[in-house]
Amino acid sequence: MEMFPLIVLTVNITRLTNEMRMVTSVVNKLINRCIDSEELLTEMKRFSMTLLTRNDQFTAYNFFAIDCTLLHSIISTTATYLIILFQFQDNSNEDDNTDRQNPTTKTDE
């Protein structure tokens, strides 16, 4: 349940970012069509260049991007740590079983 707000946030930000990229293609399609006003054509080209050069990305103080890649990183890191934890737990259980089966006895010489 604690991951649900993060999932909602990252999925919606990814959708918003994709929609923002689509604006560029819509503006370029409008430029390619016949625009009667030269002033409007110049302004649309300027706007298109602004959209192409801007890197609109939602970040956490420019440390990391907040999108589906963040969600993927969190899930993969958690899975990796769980696998390592399970391996250590299995090794400690095997060591305990080995010690019980082969007790070492001290011999006095």
PDB file of N, CA and C in Angstrom:
ATOM      1  N   MET A   1       0.807  -1.198   0.000  1.00  0.00           N
ATOM      2  CA  MET A   1       0.000   0.000   0.000  1.00  0.00           C
ATOM      3  C   MET A   1       0.850   1.263   0.000  1.00  0.00           C
ATOM      4  N   GLU A   2       2.042   1.186   0.572  1.00  0.00           N
ATOM      5  CA  GLU A   2       2.882   2.371   0.622  1.00  0.00           C
ATOM      6  C   GLU A   2       3.484   2.701  -0.739  1.00  0.00           C
ATOM      7  N   MET A   3       3.550   1.734  -1.620  1.00  0.00           N
ATOM      8  CA  MET A   3       4.099   1.966  -2.954  1.00  0.00           C
ATOM      9  C   MET A   3       3.048   2.558  -3.898  1.00  0.00           C
ATOM     10  N   PHE A   4       1.785   2.450  -3.569  1.00  0.00           N
ATOM     11  CA  PHE A   4       0.725   2.885  -4.473  1.00  0.00           C
ATOM     12  C   PHE A   4       0.835   4.362  -4.861  1.00  0.00           C
ATOM     13  N   PRO A   5       1.044   5.299  -3.911  1.00  0.00           N
ATOM     14  CA  PRO A   5       1.177   6.707  -4.337  1.00  0.00           C
ATOM     15  C   PRO A   5       2.373   6.934  -5.264  1.00  0.00           C
ATOM     16  N   LEU A   6       3.462   6.215  -5.023  1.00  0.00           N
ATOM     17  CA  LEU A   6       4.635   6.355  -5.886  1.00  0.00           C
ATOM     18  C   LEU A   6       4.351   5.819  -7.281  1.00  0.00           C
ATOM     19  N   ILE A   7       3.634   4.723  -7.356  1.00  0.00           N
ATOM     20  CA  ILE A   7       3.275   4.155  -8.660  1.00  0.00           C
ATOM     21  C   ILE A   7       2.378   5.121  -9.431  1.00  0.00           C
ATOM     22  N   VAL A   8       1.384   5.666  -8.759  1.00  0.00           N
ATOM     23  CA  VAL A   8       0.469   6.617  -9.404  1.00  0.00           C
ATOM     24  C   VAL A   8       1.240   7.846  -9.885  1.00  0.00           C
ATOM     25  N   LEU A   9       2.135   8.355  -9.037  1.00  0.00           N
ATOM     26  CA  LEU A   9       2.914   9.541  -9.398  1.00  0.00           C
ATOM     27  C   LEU A   9       3.802   9.285 -10.611  1.00  0.00           C
ATOM     28  N   THR A  10       4.560   8.209 -10.601  1.00  0.00           N
ATOM     29  CA  THR A  10       5.494   7.959 -11.701  1.00  0.00           C
ATOM     30  C   THR A  10       4.778   7.661 -13.011  1.00  0.00           C
ATOM     31  N   VAL A  11       3.688   6.922 -12.948  1.00  0.00           N
ATOM     32  CA  VAL A  11       2.956   6.612 -14.190  1.00  0.00           C
ATOM     33  C   VAL A  11       2.343   7.878 -14.782  1.00  0.00           C
ATOM     34  N   ASN A  12       1.766   8.715 -13.948  1.00  0.00           N
ATOM     35  CA  ASN A  12       1.165   9.949 -14.466  1.00  0.00           C
ATOM     36  C   ASN A  12       2.207  10.934 -14.980  1.00  0.00           C
ATOM     37  N   ILE A  13       3.343  11.009 -14.322  1.00  0.00           N
ATOM     38  CA  ILE A  13       4.400  11.887 -14.821  1.00  0.00           C
ATOM     39  C   ILE A  13       4.927  11.379 -16.155  1.00  0.00           C
ATOM     40  N   THR A  14       5.056  10.085 -16.314  1.00  0.00           N
ATOM     41  CA  THR A  14       5.505   9.528 -17.595  1.00  0.00           C
ATOM     42  C   THR A  14       4.492   9.834 -18.693  1.00  0.00           C
ATOM     43  N   ARG A  15       3.220   9.706 -18.391  1.00  0.00           N
ATOM     44  CA  ARG A  15       2.184  10.039 -19.381  1.00  0.00           C
ATOM     45  C   ARG A  15       2.231  11.520 -19.752  1.00  0.00           C
ATOM     46  N   LEU A  16       2.403  12.371 -18.753  1.00  0.00           N
ATOM     47  CA  LEU A  16       2.473  13.810 -19.009  1.00  0.00           C
ATOM     48  C   LEU A  16       3.681  14.167 -19.864  1.00  0.00           C
ATOM     49  N   THR A  17       4.802  13.556 -19.576  1.00  0.00           N
ATOM     50  CA  THR A  17       6.015  13.803 -20.360  1.00  0.00           C
ATOM     51  C   THR A  17       5.818  13.367 -21.812  1.00  0.00           C
ATOM     52  N   ASN A  18       5.169  12.235 -22.015  1.00  0.00           N
ATOM     53  CA  ASN A  18       4.896  11.776 -23.383  1.00  0.00           C
ATOM     54  C   ASN A  18       3.948  12.729 -24.109  1.00  0.00           C
ATOM     55  N   GLU A  19       2.950  13.250 -23.400  1.00  0.00           N
ATOM     56  CA  GLU A  19       2.038  14.221 -24.004  1.00  0.00           C
ATOM     57  C   GLU A  19       2.772  15.502 -24.376  1.00  0.00           C
ATOM     58  N   MET A  20       3.702  15.916 -23.534  1.00  0.00           N
ATOM     59  CA  MET A  20       4.471  17.134 -23.834  1.00  0.00           C
ATOM     60  C   MET A  20       5.321  16.947 -25.081  1.00  0.00           C
ATOM     61  N   ARG A  21       5.832  15.739 -25.287  1.00  0.00           N
ATOM     62  CA  ARG A  21       6.613  15.473 -26.497  1.00  0.00           C
ATOM     63  C   ARG A  21       5.734  15.485 -27.741  1.00  0.00           C
ATOM     64  N   MET A  22       4.478  15.097 -27.578  1.00  0.00           N
ATOM     65  CA  MET A  22       3.572  15.086 -28.723  1.00  0.00           C
ATOM     66  C   MET A  22       3.218  16.496 -29.182  1.00  0.00           C
ATOM     67  N   VAL A  23       3.305  17.463 -28.293  1.00  0.00           N
ATOM     68  CA  VAL A  23       3.015  18.853 -28.665  1.00  0.00           C
ATOM     69  C   VAL A  23       3.978  19.310 -29.759  1.00  0.00           C
ATOM     70  N   THR A  24       5.223  18.895 -29.664  1.00  0.00           N
ATOM     71  CA  THR A  24       6.216  19.272 -30.669  1.00  0.00           C
ATOM     72  C   THR A  24       5.809  18.781 -32.049  1.00  0.00           C
ATOM     73  N   SER A  25       5.358  17.552 -32.132  1.00  0.00           N
ATOM     74  CA  SER A  25       4.965  17.030 -33.450  1.00  0.00           C
ATOM     75  C   SER A  25       3.707  17.730 -33.975  1.00  0.00           C
ATOM     76  N   VAL A  26       2.796  18.087 -33.088  1.00  0.00           N
ATOM     77  CA  VAL A  26       1.586  18.801 -33.521  1.00  0.00           C
ATOM     78  C   VAL A  26       1.952  20.187 -34.056  1.00  0.00           C
ATOM     79  N   VAL A  27       2.857  20.865 -33.369  1.00  0.00           N
ATOM     80  CA  VAL A  27       3.277  22.192 -33.825  1.00  0.00           C
ATOM     81  C   VAL A  27       3.974  22.082 -35.173  1.00  0.00           C
ATOM     82  N   ASN A  28       4.796  21.077 -35.357  1.00  0.00           N
ATOM     83  CA  ASN A  28       5.483  20.905 -36.642  1.00  0.00           C
ATOM     84  C   ASN A  28       4.503  20.585 -37.761  1.00  0.00           C
ATOM     85  N   LYS A  29       3.457  19.826 -37.457  1.00  0.00           N
ATOM     86  CA  LYS A  29       2.435  19.567 -38.476  1.00  0.00           C
ATOM     87  C   LYS A  29       1.708  20.847 -38.861  1.00  0.00           C
ATOM     88  N   LEU A  30       1.466  21.711 -37.868  1.00  0.00           N
ATOM     89  CA  LEU A  30       0.827  22.991 -38.168  1.00  0.00           C
ATOM     90  C   LEU A  30       1.733  23.879 -39.016  1.00  0.00           C
ATOM     91  N   ILE A  31       3.021  23.828 -38.765  1.00  0.00           N
ATOM     92  CA  ILE A  31       3.960  24.631 -39.549  1.00  0.00           C
ATOM     93  C   ILE A  31       3.982  24.154 -40.994  1.00  0.00           C
ATOM     94  N   ASN A  32       3.922  22.827 -41.189  1.00  0.00           N
ATOM     95  CA  ASN A  32       3.975  22.275 -42.544  1.00  0.00           C
ATOM     96  C   ASN A  32       2.721  22.586 -43.354  1.00  0.00           C
ATOM     97  N   ARG A  33       1.620  22.809 -42.687  1.00  0.00           N
ATOM     98  CA  ARG A  33       0.410  23.194 -43.406  1.00  0.00           C
ATOM     99  C   ARG A  33       0.505  24.665 -43.810  1.00  0.00           C
ATOM    100  N   CYS A  34      -0.310  25.028 -44.698  1.00  0.00           N
ATOM    101  CA  CYS A  34      -0.282  26.407 -45.190  1.00  0.00           C
ATOM    102  C   CYS A  34      -0.768  27.361 -44.098  1.00  0.00           C
ATOM    103  N   ILE A  35       0.122  28.195 -43.661  1.00  0.00           N
ATOM    104  CA  ILE A  35      -0.249  29.245 -42.724  1.00  0.00           C
ATOM    105  C   ILE A  35      -0.184  30.549 -43.503  1.00  0.00           C
ATOM    106  N   ASP A  36      -1.283  31.268 -43.524  1.00  0.00           N
ATOM    107  CA  ASP A  36      -1.391  32.471 -44.338  1.00  0.00           C
ATOM    108  C   ASP A  36      -0.518  33.596 -43.808  1.00  0.00           C
ATOM    109  N   SER A  37      -0.442  33.727 -42.522  1.00  0.00           N
ATOM    110  CA  SER A  37       0.280  34.848 -41.944  1.00  0.00           C
ATOM    111  C   SER A  37       1.760  34.497 -41.771  1.00  0.00           C
ATOM    112  N   GLU A  38       2.596  35.353 -42.299  1.00  0.00           N
ATOM    113  CA  GLU A  38       4.049  35.169 -42.156  1.00  0.00           C
ATOM    114  C   GLU A  38       4.472  35.367 -40.705  1.00  0.00           C
ATOM    115  N   GLU A  39       3.807  36.276 -40.031  1.00  0.00           N
ATOM    116  CA  GLU A  39       4.118  36.533 -38.617  1.00  0.00           C
ATOM    117  C   GLU A  39       3.784  35.311 -37.753  1.00  0.00           C
ATOM    118  N   LEU A  40       2.654  34.692 -38.047  1.00  0.00           N
ATOM    119  CA  LEU A  40       2.257  33.486 -37.313  1.00  0.00           C
ATOM    120  C   LEU A  40       3.214  32.330 -37.604  1.00  0.00           C
ATOM    121  N   LEU A  41       3.645  32.204 -38.849  1.00  0.00           N
ATOM    122  CA  LEU A  41       4.593  31.158 -39.228  1.00  0.00           C
ATOM    123  C   LEU A  41       5.919  31.339 -38.487  1.00  0.00           C
ATOM    124  N   THR A  42       6.392  32.558 -38.412  1.00  0.00           N
ATOM    125  CA  THR A  42       7.638  32.838 -37.693  1.00  0.00           C
ATOM    126  C   THR A  42       7.503  32.513 -36.207  1.00  0.00           C
ATOM    127  N   GLU A  43       6.385  32.877 -35.638  1.00  0.00           N
ATOM    128  CA  GLU A  43       6.155  32.607 -34.209  1.00  0.00           C
ATOM    129  C   GLU A  43       6.043  31.105 -33.942  1.00  0.00           C
ATOM    130  N   MET A  44       5.401  30.375 -34.848  1.00  0.00           N
ATOM    131  CA  MET A  44       5.277  28.920 -34.691  1.00  0.00           C
ATOM    132  C   MET A  44       6.641  28.237 -34.808  1.00  0.00           C
ATOM    133  N   LYS A  45       7.473  28.725 -35.715  1.00  0.00           N
ATOM    134  CA  LYS A  45       8.816  28.158 -35.848  1.00  0.00           C
ATOM    135  C   LYS A  45       9.639  28.434 -34.592  1.00  0.00           C
ATOM    136  N   ARG A  46       9.510  29.603 -34.054  1.00  0.00           N
ATOM    137  CA  ARG A  46      10.216  29.953 -32.826  1.00  0.00           C
ATOM    138  C   ARG A  46       9.738  29.063 -31.661  1.00  0.00           C
ATOM    139  N   PHE A  47       8.442  28.864 -31.595  1.00  0.00           N
ATOM    140  CA  PHE A  47       7.880  28.009 -30.551  1.00  0.00           C
ATOM    141  C   PHE A  47       8.338  26.563 -30.724  1.00  0.00           C
ATOM    142  N   SER A  48       8.400  26.110 -31.953  1.00  0.00           N
ATOM    143  CA  SER A  48       8.872  24.753 -32.237  1.00  0.00           C
ATOM    144  C   SER A  48      10.328  24.573 -31.815  1.00  0.00           C
ATOM    145  N   MET A  49      11.152  25.564 -32.096  1.00  0.00           N
ATOM    146  CA  MET A  49      12.565  25.492 -31.682  1.00  0.00           C
ATOM    147  C   MET A  49      12.685  25.493 -30.158  1.00  0.00           C
ATOM    148  N   THR A  50      11.836  26.256 -29.496  1.00  0.00           N
ATOM    149  CA  THR A  50      11.845  26.269 -28.027  1.00  0.00           C
ATOM    150  C   THR A  50      11.468  24.899 -27.479  1.00  0.00           C
ATOM    151  N   LEU A  51      10.465  24.279 -28.074  1.00  0.00           N
ATOM    152  CA  LEU A  51      10.048  22.954 -27.619  1.00  0.00           C
ATOM    153  C   LEU A  51      11.124  21.905 -27.860  1.00  0.00           C
ATOM    154  N   LEU A  52      11.831  22.016 -28.966  1.00  0.00           N
ATOM    155  CA  LEU A  52      12.872  21.040 -29.285  1.00  0.00           C
ATOM    156  C   LEU A  52      14.090  21.173 -28.378  1.00  0.00           C
ATOM    157  N   THR A  53      14.406  22.374 -27.961  1.00  0.00           N
ATOM    158  CA  THR A  53      15.613  22.578 -27.165  1.00  0.00           C
ATOM    159  C   THR A  53      15.387  22.426 -25.666  1.00  0.00           C
ATOM    160  N   ARG A  54      14.144  22.492 -25.239  1.00  0.00           N
ATOM    161  CA  ARG A  54      13.868  22.351 -23.796  1.00  0.00           C
ATOM    162  C   ARG A  54      13.887  20.891 -23.395  1.00  0.00           C
ATOM    163  N   ASN A  55      14.435  20.644 -22.221  1.00  0.00           N
ATOM    164  CA  ASN A  55      14.417  19.299 -21.667  1.00  0.00           C
ATOM    165  C   ASN A  55      13.484  19.320 -20.464  1.00  0.00           C
ATOM    166  N   ASP A  56      12.215  19.101 -20.734  1.00  0.00           N
ATOM    167  CA  ASP A  56      11.227  19.115 -19.663  1.00  0.00           C
ATOM    168  C   ASP A  56      11.200  17.746 -19.003  1.00  0.00           C
ATOM    169  N   GLN A  57      11.666  17.734 -17.772  1.00  0.00           N
ATOM    170  CA  GLN A  57      11.723  16.487 -17.029  1.00  0.00           C
ATOM    171  C   GLN A  57      11.432  16.796 -15.569  1.00  0.00           C
ATOM    172  N   PHE A  58      10.632  15.973 -14.951  1.00  0.00           N
ATOM    173  CA  PHE A  58      10.346  16.144 -13.544  1.00  0.00           C
ATOM    174  C   PHE A  58      11.439  15.448 -12.741  1.00  0.00           C
ATOM    175  N   THR A  59      12.087  16.213 -11.872  1.00  0.00           N
ATOM    176  CA  THR A  59      13.170  15.650 -11.075  1.00  0.00           C
ATOM    177  C   THR A  59      12.970  16.000  -9.610  1.00  0.00           C
ATOM    178  N   ALA A  60      13.702  15.311  -8.783  1.00  0.00           N
ATOM    179  CA  ALA A  60      13.731  15.612  -7.360  1.00  0.00           C
ATOM    180  C   ALA A  60      15.002  16.424  -7.116  1.00  0.00           C
ATOM    181  N   TYR A  61      14.877  17.729  -7.199  1.00  0.00           N
ATOM    182  CA  TYR A  61      16.003  18.664  -7.050  1.00  0.00           C
ATOM    183  C   TYR A  61      17.180  18.293  -7.950  1.00  0.00           C
ATOM    184  N   ASN A  62      16.882  17.837  -9.153  1.00  0.00           N
ATOM    185  CA  ASN A  62      17.877  17.437 -10.159  1.00  0.00           C
ATOM    186  C   ASN A  62      18.772  16.293  -9.705  1.00  0.00           C
ATOM    187  N   PHE A  63      18.341  15.533  -8.701  1.00  0.00           N
ATOM    188  CA  PHE A  63      19.106  14.351  -8.286  1.00  0.00           C
ATOM    189  C   PHE A  63      18.748  13.149  -9.150  1.00  0.00           C
ATOM    190  N   PHE A  64      17.463  12.939  -9.382  1.00  0.00           N
ATOM    191  CA  PHE A  64      17.026  11.822 -10.204  1.00  0.00           C
ATOM    192  C   PHE A  64      15.680  12.177 -10.822  1.00  0.00           C
ATOM    193  N   ALA A  65      15.410  11.550 -11.953  1.00  0.00           N
ATOM    194  CA  ALA A  65      14.161  11.802 -12.672  1.00  0.00           C
ATOM    195  C   ALA A  65      13.022  11.047 -12.003  1.00  0.00           C
ATOM    196  N   ILE A  66      11.872  11.684 -11.967  1.00  0.00           N
ATOM    197  CA  ILE A  66      10.687  11.035 -11.410  1.00  0.00           C
ATOM    198  C   ILE A  66       9.825  10.599 -12.582  1.00  0.00           C
ATOM    199  N   ASP A  67       9.994   9.349 -12.966  1.00  0.00           N
ATOM    200  CA  ASP A  67       9.188   8.751 -14.021  1.00  0.00           C
ATOM    201  C   ASP A  67       9.226   7.243 -13.824  1.00  0.00           C
ATOM    202  N   CYS A  68       8.828   6.503 -14.823  1.00  0.00           N
ATOM    203  CA  CYS A  68       8.765   5.047 -14.662  1.00  0.00           C
ATOM    204  C   CYS A  68      10.143   4.418 -14.500  1.00  0.00           C
ATOM    205  N   THR A  69      11.195   5.096 -14.926  1.00  0.00           N
ATOM    206  CA  THR A  69      12.531   4.557 -14.694  1.00  0.00           C
ATOM    207  C   THR A  69      12.861   4.533 -13.205  1.00  0.00           C
ATOM    208  N   LEU A  70      12.348   5.487 -12.452  1.00  0.00           N
ATOM    209  CA  LEU A  70      12.534   5.483 -11.002  1.00  0.00           C
ATOM    210  C   LEU A  70      11.847   4.269 -10.397  1.00  0.00           C
ATOM    211  N   LEU A  71      10.640   3.999 -10.818  1.00  0.00           N
ATOM    212  CA  LEU A  71       9.905   2.842 -10.317  1.00  0.00           C
ATOM    213  C   LEU A  71      10.638   1.550 -10.659  1.00  0.00           C
ATOM    214  N   HIS A  72      11.149   1.464 -11.865  1.00  0.00           N
ATOM    215  CA  HIS A  72      11.912   0.288 -12.281  1.00  0.00           C
ATOM    216  C   HIS A  72      13.166   0.127 -11.423  1.00  0.00           C
ATOM    217  N   SER A  73      13.853   1.202 -11.134  1.00  0.00           N
ATOM    218  CA  SER A  73      15.062   1.140 -10.311  1.00  0.00           C
ATOM    219  C   SER A  73      14.754   0.692  -8.892  1.00  0.00           C
ATOM    220  N   ILE A  74      13.674   1.203  -8.327  1.00  0.00           N
ATOM    221  CA  ILE A  74      13.294   0.819  -6.960  1.00  0.00           C
ATOM    222  C   ILE A  74      12.959  -0.664  -6.895  1.00  0.00           C
ATOM    223  N   ILE A  75      12.193  -1.147  -7.838  1.00  0.00           N
ATOM    224  CA  ILE A  75      11.795  -2.558  -7.836  1.00  0.00           C
ATOM    225  C   ILE A  75      12.988  -3.473  -8.055  1.00  0.00           C
ATOM    226  N   SER A  76      13.861  -3.127  -9.004  1.00  0.00           N
ATOM    227  CA  SER A  76      15.016  -3.987  -9.273  1.00  0.00           C
ATOM    228  C   SER A  76      16.013  -3.982  -8.117  1.00  0.00           C
ATOM    229  N   THR A  77      16.206  -2.836  -7.476  1.00  0.00           N
ATOM    230  CA  THR A  77      17.107  -2.778  -6.329  1.00  0.00           C
ATOM    231  C   THR A  77      16.548  -3.579  -5.154  1.00  0.00           C
ATOM    232  N   THR A  78      15.266  -3.460  -4.914  1.00  0.00           N
ATOM    233  CA  THR A  78      14.636  -4.224  -3.837  1.00  0.00           C
ATOM    234  C   THR A  78      14.744  -5.723  -4.107  1.00  0.00           C
ATOM    235  N   ALA A  79      14.497  -6.127  -5.331  1.00  0.00           N
ATOM    236  CA  ALA A  79      14.600  -7.548  -5.671  1.00  0.00           C
ATOM    237  C   ALA A  79      16.026  -8.051  -5.493  1.00  0.00           C
ATOM    238  N   THR A  80      17.001  -7.260  -5.887  1.00  0.00           N
ATOM    239  CA  THR A  80      18.398  -7.660  -5.730  1.00  0.00           C
ATOM    240  C   THR A  80      18.761  -7.852  -4.265  1.00  0.00           C
ATOM    241  N   TYR A  81      18.370  -6.907  -3.420  1.00  0.00           N
ATOM    242  CA  TYR A  81      18.680  -7.017  -1.994  1.00  0.00           C
ATOM    243  C   TYR A  81      17.952  -8.194  -1.355  1.00  0.00           C
ATOM    244  N   LEU A  82      16.723  -8.473  -1.783  1.00  0.00           N
ATOM    245  CA  LEU A  82      16.011  -9.622  -1.240  1.00  0.00           C
ATOM    246  C   LEU A  82      16.679 -10.936  -1.628  1.00  0.00           C
ATOM    247  N   ILE A  83      17.149 -11.015  -2.850  1.00  0.00           N
ATOM    248  CA  ILE A  83      17.851 -12.224  -3.294  1.00  0.00           C
ATOM    249  C   ILE A  83      19.119 -12.421  -2.477  1.00  0.00           C
ATOM    250  N   ILE A  84      19.878 -11.362  -2.261  1.00  0.00           N
ATOM    251  CA  ILE A  84      21.096 -11.459  -1.460  1.00  0.00           C
ATOM    252  C   ILE A  84      20.758 -11.856  -0.029  1.00  0.00           C
ATOM    253  N   LEU A  85      19.711 -11.283   0.534  1.00  0.00           N
ATOM    254  CA  LEU A  85      19.293 -11.617   1.893  1.00  0.00           C
ATOM    255  C   LEU A  85      18.912 -13.082   2.000  1.00  0.00           C
ATOM    256  N   PHE A  86      18.152 -13.587   1.038  1.00  0.00           N
ATOM    257  CA  PHE A  86      17.759 -14.993   1.058  1.00  0.00           C
ATOM    258  C   PHE A  86      18.971 -15.913   0.927  1.00  0.00           C
ATOM    259  N   GLN A  87      19.944 -15.520   0.119  1.00  0.00           N
ATOM    260  CA  GLN A  87      21.143 -16.338  -0.024  1.00  0.00           C
ATOM    261  C   GLN A  87      21.927 -16.395   1.281  1.00  0.00           C
ATOM    262  N   PHE A  88      22.066 -15.288   1.971  1.00  0.00           N
ATOM    263  CA  PHE A  88      22.750 -15.294   3.266  1.00  0.00           C
ATOM    264  C   PHE A  88      21.971 -16.109   4.284  1.00  0.00           C
ATOM    265  N   GLN A  89      20.652 -16.025   4.246  1.00  0.00           N
ATOM    266  CA  GLN A  89      19.837 -16.778   5.181  1.00  0.00           C
ATOM    267  C   GLN A  89      19.987 -18.282   4.913  1.00  0.00           C
ATOM    268  N   ASP A  90      20.005 -18.686   3.657  1.00  0.00           N
ATOM    269  CA  ASP A  90      20.196 -20.097   3.309  1.00  0.00           C
ATOM    270  C   ASP A  90      21.569 -20.578   3.742  1.00  0.00           C
ATOM    271  N   ASN A  91      22.590 -19.748   3.548  1.00  0.00           N
ATOM    272  CA  ASN A  91      23.941 -20.145   3.946  1.00  0.00           C
ATOM    273  C   ASN A  91      24.048 -20.316   5.449  1.00  0.00           C
ATOM    274  N   SER A  92      23.417 -19.451   6.212  1.00  0.00           N
ATOM    275  CA  SER A  92      23.493 -19.582   7.667  1.00  0.00           C
ATOM    276  C   SER A  92      22.733 -20.823   8.136  1.00  0.00           C
ATOM    277  N   ASN A  93      21.631 -21.180   7.485  1.00  0.00           N
ATOM    278  CA  ASN A  93      20.905 -22.407   7.826  1.00  0.00           C
ATOM    279  C   ASN A  93      21.725 -23.641   7.487  1.00  0.00           C
ATOM    280  N   GLU A  94      22.428 -23.625   6.369  1.00  0.00           N
ATOM    281  CA  GLU A  94      23.272 -24.753   5.983  1.00  0.00           C
ATOM    282  C   GLU A  94      24.435 -24.903   6.957  1.00  0.00           C
ATOM    283  N   ASP A  95      25.012 -23.789   7.395  1.00  0.00           N
ATOM    284  CA  ASP A  95      26.114 -23.846   8.355  1.00  0.00           C
ATOM    285  C   ASP A  95      25.642 -24.425   9.685  1.00  0.00           C
ATOM    286  N   ASP A  96      24.445 -24.051  10.127  1.00  0.00           N
ATOM    287  CA  ASP A  96      23.895 -24.588  11.372  1.00  0.00           C
ATOM    288  C   ASP A  96      23.666 -26.088  11.266  1.00  0.00           C
ATOM    289  N   ASN A  97      23.144 -26.544  10.126  1.00  0.00           N
ATOM    290  CA  ASN A  97      22.902 -27.974   9.930  1.00  0.00           C
ATOM    291  C   ASN A  97      24.209 -28.747   9.861  1.00  0.00           C
ATOM    292  N   THR A  98      25.214 -28.187   9.251  1.00  0.00           N
ATOM    293  CA  THR A  98      26.510 -28.838   9.140  1.00  0.00           C
ATOM    294  C   THR A  98      27.145 -28.969  10.519  1.00  0.00           C
ATOM    295  N   ASP A  99      27.050 -27.949  11.341  1.00  0.00           N
ATOM    296  CA  ASP A  99      27.611 -27.998  12.688  1.00  0.00           C
ATOM    297  C   ASP A  99      26.912 -29.044  13.543  1.00  0.00           C
ATOM    298  N   ARG A 100      25.631 -29.232  13.359  1.00  0.00           N
ATOM    299  CA  ARG A 100      24.886 -30.221  14.139  1.00  0.00           C
ATOM    300  C   ARG A 100      25.221 -31.644  13.707  1.00  0.00           C
ATOM    301  N   GLN A 101      25.473 -31.838  12.421  1.00  0.00           N
ATOM    302  CA  GLN A 101      25.756 -33.179  11.922  1.00  0.00           C
ATOM    303  C   GLN A 101      27.189 -33.596  12.214  1.00  0.00           C
ATOM    304  N   ASN A 102      28.123 -32.686  12.188  1.00  0.00           N
ATOM    305  CA  ASN A 102      29.533 -32.993  12.408  1.00  0.00           C
ATOM    306  C   ASN A 102      30.056 -32.223  13.606  1.00  0.00           C
ATOM    307  N   PRO A 103      29.707 -32.630  14.792  1.00  0.00           N
ATOM    308  CA  PRO A 103      30.223 -31.901  15.948  1.00  0.00           C
ATOM    309  C   PRO A 103      31.700 -32.179  16.090  1.00  0.00           C
ATOM    310  N   THR A 104      32.401 -31.163  16.452  1.00  0.00           N
ATOM    311  CA  THR A 104      33.835 -31.329  16.652  1.00  0.00           C
ATOM    312  C   THR A 104      34.077 -31.679  18.117  1.00  0.00           C
ATOM    313  N   THR A 105      34.905 -32.635  18.310  1.00  0.00           N
ATOM    314  CA  THR A 105      35.219 -33.038  19.675  1.00  0.00           C
ATOM    315  C   THR A 105      36.684 -32.756  19.926  1.00  0.00           C
ATOM    316  N   LYS A 106      36.955 -32.299  21.134  1.00  0.00           N
ATOM    317  CA  LYS A 106      38.329 -32.017  21.487  1.00  0.00           C
ATOM    318  C   LYS A 106      38.944 -33.270  22.087  1.00  0.00           C
ATOM    319  N   THR A 107      40.116 -33.521  21.692  1.00  0.00           N
ATOM    320  CA  THR A 107      40.848 -34.643  22.277  1.00  0.00           C
ATOM    321  C   THR A 107      42.015 -34.078  23.061  1.00  0.00           C
ATOM    322  N   ASP A 108      42.187 -34.574  24.229  1.00  0.00           N
ATOM    323  CA  ASP A 108      43.313 -34.142  25.054  1.00  0.00           C
ATOM    324  C   ASP A 108      44.486 -35.044  24.775  1.00  0.00           C
ATOM    325  N   GLU A 109      45.593 -34.487  24.499  1.00  0.00           N
ATOM    326  CA  GLU A 109      46.772 -35.277  24.202  1.00  0.00           C
ATOM    327  C   GLU A 109      47.723 -35.258  25.335  1.00  0.00           C
TER     328      GLU A 109
END
